């Protein structure tokens, strides 16, 4: 299973972007986010609607990215690179849809 961004548009179409495999998310993302005091990223392991909270989610990205980039946590280099790539993808997608009036719902889980 994966943790992914799912965007549903009012016309019924969907867009998605994978964030991480479930086990990698549980083993690396959640401890990192919790250790940094982040609120939203730990909730993605079970899933949560975020349409009304995009700015709050985006606000958590820089600290996660900076910590990963500095190698401050004991995360293998290949997984750290994977996480950095996925953070960038998530950030781009959220910025793309945050002011789109065609969006009905946004969910990460």
Foldseek 3Di string as FASTA:
>chain_A
DFWKKWWAFPVGDIDIDTQGRLVLLVVPVLVLCVVVVQDPSNVLSVKDWCLVPLVSVLVSLVVSLVCLVVVVDPDDPVSSVSNNVSSVVVNVVSVVCNPPPRTDTMMTD
